[in-house]
Amino acid sequence: MASETTGDWKLPWAGGCRCGRVRLKVTEAPIMSMACHCKGCQTMSSSAYSLSLMIPATGLQVTEGETVAGGLQESLDHRFCAYCKTWMFTQFGPEVPFVNLRPTMLDDHSWVAPFAESCVATKLPLVSTGTRHSFLQFPPPEERPALMAAFAKDGARPG
């Protein structure tokens, strides 16, 4: 596990769902911040896009309460508060070393800004995220290492 005071990330971070029954803790720096404009994320978030902080799977712990599966459970493990049904994070399985946290679950999410956006082919008209990197679909695998390195250097940090 990375140090809880890693650089300028000011870790650990605490957060929780809307009702407060589920609490979580982030202890490792994010790998990427993204806005996804796919129709699935638009529908699940009831918004123009979903915002994610990609966190190492070992760096996110549920410290109180229970989450339940929701969304399209056959493809991804979307986790929701068992009581208020807030979409909190998405797990991808044991072979994928990260989870996508909905950053608005953080107690202080005022600093979060998407560094990249995906699925802009289905972006709603007039939506602007101000990202540095845009992809019609998802970032191609060969571009991901450079994108993550750029985020590690220049991504938004807590104030």
C-alpha atoms as a PDB file:
ATOM      1  CA  MET A   1       0.000   0.000   0.000  1.00  0.00           C
ATOM      2  CA  ALA A   2       1.185   3.489  -0.818  1.00  0.00           C
ATOM      3  CA  SER A   3       1.931   5.899   1.985  1.00  0.00           C
ATOM      4  CA  GLU A   4      -1.144   7.676   3.350  1.00  0.00           C
ATOM      5  CA  THR A   5       0.668  10.998   2.923  1.00  0.00           C
ATOM      6  CA  THR A   6       1.715  10.352  -0.668  1.00  0.00           C
ATOM      7  CA  GLY A   7       2.919  13.612  -2.156  1.00  0.00           C
ATOM      8  CA  ASP A   8       0.348  16.311  -2.682  1.00  0.00           C
ATOM      9  CA  TRP A   9      -2.678  13.980  -2.657  1.00  0.00           C
ATOM     10  CA  LYS A  10      -3.271  14.617   1.077  1.00  0.00           C
ATOM     11  CA  LEU A  11      -4.426  11.076   1.755  1.00  0.00           C
ATOM     12  CA  PRO A  12      -6.374   9.443   3.302  1.00  0.00           C
ATOM     13  CA  TRP A  13      -9.765  10.687   2.123  1.00  0.00           C
ATOM     14  CA  ALA A  14     -13.090   9.856   3.726  1.00  0.00           C
ATOM     15  CA  GLY A  15     -16.451   9.749   2.062  1.00  0.00           C
ATOM     16  CA  GLY A  16     -19.898   8.267   2.086  1.00  0.00           C
ATOM     17  CA  CYS A  17     -23.253   7.921   0.438  1.00  0.00           C
ATOM     18  CA  ARG A  18     -26.065  10.456   0.542  1.00  0.00           C
ATOM     19  CA  CYS A  19     -27.708   9.029   3.680  1.00  0.00           C
ATOM     20  CA  GLY A  20     -24.388   8.429   5.467  1.00  0.00           C
ATOM     21  CA  ARG A  21     -24.991   4.746   6.238  1.00  0.00           C
ATOM     22  CA  VAL A  22     -22.063   3.683   4.028  1.00  0.00           C
ATOM     23  CA  ARG A  23     -18.682   5.248   4.686  1.00  0.00           C
ATOM     24  CA  LEU A  24     -15.470   4.659   2.805  1.00  0.00           C
ATOM     25  CA  LYS A  25     -11.801   5.481   2.963  1.00  0.00           C
ATOM     26  CA  VAL A  26      -9.313   6.085   0.128  1.00  0.00           C
ATOM     27  CA  THR A  27      -5.669   5.429   1.018  1.00  0.00           C
ATOM     28  CA  GLU A  28      -3.963   5.372  -2.396  1.00  0.00           C
ATOM     29  CA  ALA A  29      -3.639   8.104  -5.010  1.00  0.00           C
ATOM     30  CA  PRO A  30      -5.936   7.966  -8.032  1.00  0.00           C
ATOM     31  CA  ILE A  31      -4.671   6.690 -11.352  1.00  0.00           C
ATOM     32  CA  MET A  32      -6.988   8.853 -13.492  1.00  0.00           C
ATOM     33  CA  SER A  33     -10.072  11.071 -13.369  1.00  0.00           C
ATOM     34  CA  MET A  34     -12.550  10.728 -16.212  1.00  0.00           C
ATOM     35  CA  ALA A  35     -15.964  11.761 -17.443  1.00  0.00           C
ATOM     36  CA  CYS A  36     -17.789   9.053 -19.392  1.00  0.00           C
ATOM     37  CA  HIS A  37     -20.471  10.127 -21.846  1.00  0.00           C
ATOM     38  CA  CYS A  38     -21.692   6.644 -22.808  1.00  0.00           C
ATOM     39  CA  LYS A  39     -25.455   6.142 -22.799  1.00  0.00           C
ATOM     40  CA  GLY A  40     -25.161   3.604 -19.972  1.00  0.00           C
ATOM     41  CA  CYS A  41     -23.410   6.111 -17.698  1.00  0.00           C
ATOM     42  CA  GLN A  42     -25.864   8.842 -18.688  1.00  0.00           C
ATOM     43  CA  THR A  43     -28.764   6.624 -17.699  1.00  0.00           C
ATOM     44  CA  MET A  44     -27.233   5.235 -14.503  1.00  0.00           C
ATOM     45  CA  SER A  45     -26.120   8.632 -13.229  1.00  0.00           C
ATOM     46  CA  SER A  46     -29.338  10.373 -14.353  1.00  0.00           C
ATOM     47  CA  SER A  47     -27.015  13.014 -15.746  1.00  0.00           C
ATOM     48  CA  ALA A  48     -25.072  14.051 -18.843  1.00  0.00           C
ATOM     49  CA  TYR A  49     -22.092  11.861 -17.870  1.00  0.00           C
ATOM     50  CA  SER A  50     -20.593   9.936 -14.980  1.00  0.00           C
ATOM     51  CA  LEU A  51     -17.495  11.197 -13.219  1.00  0.00           C
ATOM     52  CA  SER A  52     -14.933   8.664 -11.980  1.00  0.00           C
ATOM     53  CA  LEU A  53     -11.737   8.578  -9.988  1.00  0.00           C
ATOM     54  CA  MET A  54      -9.841   5.424 -10.891  1.00  0.00           C
ATOM     55  CA  ILE A  55      -8.369   4.190  -7.590  1.00  0.00           C
ATOM     56  CA  PRO A  56      -6.108   1.156  -7.013  1.00  0.00           C
ATOM     57  CA  ALA A  57      -8.434  -1.594  -5.744  1.00  0.00           C
ATOM     58  CA  THR A  58      -6.284  -1.958  -2.615  1.00  0.00           C
ATOM     59  CA  GLY A  59      -6.751   1.749  -1.864  1.00  0.00           C
ATOM     60  CA  LEU A  60     -10.535   1.794  -1.365  1.00  0.00           C
ATOM     61  CA  GLN A  61     -12.215   0.333   1.706  1.00  0.00           C
ATOM     62  CA  VAL A  62     -15.817   0.391   2.849  1.00  0.00           C
ATOM     63  CA  THR A  63     -15.468   1.233   6.549  1.00  0.00           C
ATOM     64  CA  GLU A  64     -19.144   1.298   7.582  1.00  0.00           C
ATOM     65  CA  GLY A  65     -22.381  -0.088   6.218  1.00  0.00           C
ATOM     66  CA  GLU A  66     -23.114  -2.347   3.289  1.00  0.00           C
ATOM     67  CA  THR A  67     -23.161  -1.920  -0.446  1.00  0.00           C
ATOM     68  CA  VAL A  68     -25.305  -3.902  -2.870  1.00  0.00           C
ATOM     69  CA  ALA A  69     -24.912  -4.681  -6.554  1.00  0.00           C
ATOM     70  CA  GLY A  70     -26.965  -2.730  -9.059  1.00  0.00           C
ATOM     71  CA  GLY A  71     -26.995  -1.618 -12.671  1.00  0.00           C
ATOM     72  CA  LEU A  72     -26.118  -4.198 -15.315  1.00  0.00           C
ATOM     73  CA  GLN A  73     -24.804  -6.790 -12.910  1.00  0.00           C
ATOM     74  CA  GLU A  74     -23.774  -9.291 -15.566  1.00  0.00           C
ATOM     75  CA  SER A  75     -20.974  -7.101 -16.915  1.00  0.00           C
ATOM     76  CA  LEU A  76     -19.746  -4.892 -14.050  1.00  0.00           C
ATOM     77  CA  ASP A  77     -20.129  -4.830 -10.280  1.00  0.00           C
ATOM     78  CA  HIS A  78     -21.698  -1.415  -9.656  1.00  0.00           C
ATOM     79  CA  ARG A  79     -21.932  -0.856  -5.887  1.00  0.00           C
ATOM     80  CA  PHE A  80     -24.741   1.131  -4.278  1.00  0.00           C
ATOM     81  CA  CYS A  81     -25.676   2.002  -0.706  1.00  0.00           C
ATOM     82  CA  ALA A  82     -28.080  -0.706   0.479  1.00  0.00           C
ATOM     83  CA  TYR A  83     -30.393   1.957   1.961  1.00  0.00           C
ATOM     84  CA  CYS A  84     -30.383   5.126  -0.202  1.00  0.00           C
ATOM     85  CA  LYS A  85     -29.218   3.384  -3.409  1.00  0.00           C
ATOM     86  CA  THR A  86     -26.531   5.985  -4.163  1.00  0.00           C
ATOM     87  CA  TRP A  87     -24.153   4.715  -6.891  1.00  0.00           C
ATOM     88  CA  MET A  88     -20.818   4.775  -5.062  1.00  0.00           C
ATOM     89  CA  PHE A  89     -18.226   2.845  -7.071  1.00  0.00           C
ATOM     90  CA  THR A  90     -17.720   0.160  -9.693  1.00  0.00           C
ATOM     91  CA  GLN A  91     -15.567  -2.937  -9.326  1.00  0.00           C
ATOM     92  CA  PHE A  92     -14.289  -4.773 -12.392  1.00  0.00           C
ATOM     93  CA  GLY A  93     -13.251  -8.133 -10.963  1.00  0.00           C
ATOM     94  CA  PRO A  94     -10.166  -9.630  -9.360  1.00  0.00           C
ATOM     95  CA  GLU A  95      -8.070  -9.405 -12.537  1.00  0.00           C
ATOM     96  CA  VAL A  96      -8.537  -5.598 -12.767  1.00  0.00           C
ATOM     97  CA  PRO A  97      -6.368  -3.757 -10.212  1.00  0.00           C
ATOM     98  CA  PHE A  98      -8.565  -0.648  -9.857  1.00  0.00           C
ATOM     99  CA  VAL A  99     -12.087   0.532  -8.994  1.00  0.00           C
ATOM    100  CA  ASN A 100     -13.954   3.559 -10.305  1.00  0.00           C
ATOM    101  CA  LEU A 101     -15.089   5.701  -7.390  1.00  0.00           C
ATOM    102  CA  ARG A 102     -17.804   8.299  -7.961  1.00  0.00           C
ATOM    103  CA  PRO A 103     -15.770  11.237  -6.595  1.00  0.00           C
ATOM    104  CA  THR A 104     -18.860  13.031  -5.280  1.00  0.00           C
ATOM    105  CA  MET A 105     -18.832  10.350  -2.560  1.00  0.00           C
ATOM    106  CA  LEU A 106     -15.753  12.063  -1.063  1.00  0.00           C
ATOM    107  CA  ASP A 107     -16.461  14.398   1.845  1.00  0.00           C
ATOM    108  CA  ASP A 108     -14.383  17.008  -0.005  1.00  0.00           C
ATOM    109  CA  HIS A 109     -14.777  16.616  -3.745  1.00  0.00           C
ATOM    110  CA  SER A 110     -14.489  20.319  -4.587  1.00  0.00           C
ATOM    111  CA  TRP A 111     -11.083  19.785  -6.233  1.00  0.00           C
ATOM    112  CA  VAL A 112     -12.085  16.948  -8.591  1.00  0.00           C
ATOM    113  CA  ALA A 113     -11.924  17.691 -12.315  1.00  0.00           C
ATOM    114  CA  PRO A 114     -11.961  15.164 -15.140  1.00  0.00           C
ATOM    115  CA  PHE A 115      -8.573  14.845 -16.837  1.00  0.00           C
ATOM    116  CA  ALA A 116      -9.992  12.872 -19.775  1.00  0.00           C
ATOM    117  CA  GLU A 117     -13.394  12.118 -21.218  1.00  0.00           C
ATOM    118  CA  SER A 118     -14.561   8.995 -23.009  1.00  0.00           C
ATOM    119  CA  CYS A 119     -17.414   8.126 -25.353  1.00  0.00           C
ATOM    120  CA  VAL A 120     -17.750  11.669 -26.678  1.00  0.00           C
ATOM    121  CA  ALA A 121     -19.427  10.148 -29.742  1.00  0.00           C
ATOM    122  CA  THR A 122     -22.572   9.965 -27.552  1.00  0.00           C
ATOM    123  CA  LYS A 123     -21.975  13.184 -25.599  1.00  0.00           C
ATOM    124  CA  LEU A 124     -25.070  15.338 -25.144  1.00  0.00           C
ATOM    125  CA  PRO A 125     -25.079  18.605 -27.113  1.00  0.00           C
ATOM    126  CA  LEU A 126     -23.591  21.638 -25.330  1.00  0.00           C
ATOM    127  CA  VAL A 127     -21.894  19.523 -22.619  1.00  0.00           C
ATOM    128  CA  SER A 128     -18.385  20.738 -21.900  1.00  0.00           C
ATOM    129  CA  THR A 129     -16.152  19.181 -19.262  1.00  0.00           C
ATOM    130  CA  GLY A 130     -12.942  21.138 -19.829  1.00  0.00           C
ATOM    131  CA  THR A 131     -10.849  17.967 -20.057  1.00  0.00           C
ATOM    132  CA  ARG A 132      -7.388  17.884 -21.558  1.00  0.00           C
ATOM    133  CA  HIS A 133      -7.979  14.616 -23.411  1.00  0.00           C
ATOM    134  CA  SER A 134     -11.041  13.451 -25.363  1.00  0.00           C
ATOM    135  CA  PHE A 135     -11.809  10.068 -26.905  1.00  0.00           C
ATOM    136  CA  LEU A 136     -14.665   9.081 -29.220  1.00  0.00           C
ATOM    137  CA  GLN A 137     -14.923   5.776 -27.346  1.00  0.00           C
ATOM    138  CA  PHE A 138     -12.577   4.613 -24.564  1.00  0.00           C
ATOM    139  CA  PRO A 139      -8.860   5.490 -24.627  1.00  0.00           C
ATOM    140  CA  PRO A 140      -7.024   2.926 -26.768  1.00  0.00           C
ATOM    141  CA  PRO A 141      -4.896   0.525 -24.685  1.00  0.00           C
ATOM    142  CA  GLU A 142      -1.654   1.775 -26.250  1.00  0.00           C
ATOM    143  CA  GLU A 143      -2.423   5.369 -25.124  1.00  0.00           C
ATOM    144  CA  ARG A 144      -3.372   4.541 -21.518  1.00  0.00           C
ATOM    145  CA  PRO A 145       0.149   4.443 -19.974  1.00  0.00           C
ATOM    146  CA  ALA A 146       1.016   7.923 -21.283  1.00  0.00           C
ATOM    147  CA  LEU A 147      -2.406   9.236 -20.232  1.00  0.00           C
ATOM    148  CA  MET A 148      -1.976   7.884 -16.690  1.00  0.00           C
ATOM    149  CA  ALA A 149       1.553   9.310 -16.483  1.00  0.00           C
ATOM    150  CA  ALA A 150       0.248  12.720 -17.565  1.00  0.00           C
ATOM    151  CA  PHE A 151      -2.493  12.543 -14.927  1.00  0.00           C
ATOM    152  CA  ALA A 152       0.030  11.572 -12.228  1.00  0.00           C
ATOM    153  CA  LYS A 153       2.003  14.698 -13.112  1.00  0.00           C
ATOM    154  CA  ASP A 154      -0.740  17.225 -13.921  1.00  0.00           C
ATOM    155  CA  GLY A 155      -4.107  15.932 -12.613  1.00  0.00           C
ATOM    156  CA  ALA A 156      -6.159  18.045 -10.188  1.00  0.00           C
ATOM    157  CA  ARG A 157      -5.221  17.689  -6.502  1.00  0.00           C
ATOM    158  CA  PRO A 158      -7.016  18.455  -3.233  1.00  0.00           C
ATOM    159  CA  GLY A 159      -6.530  22.032  -2.102  1.00  0.00           C
END
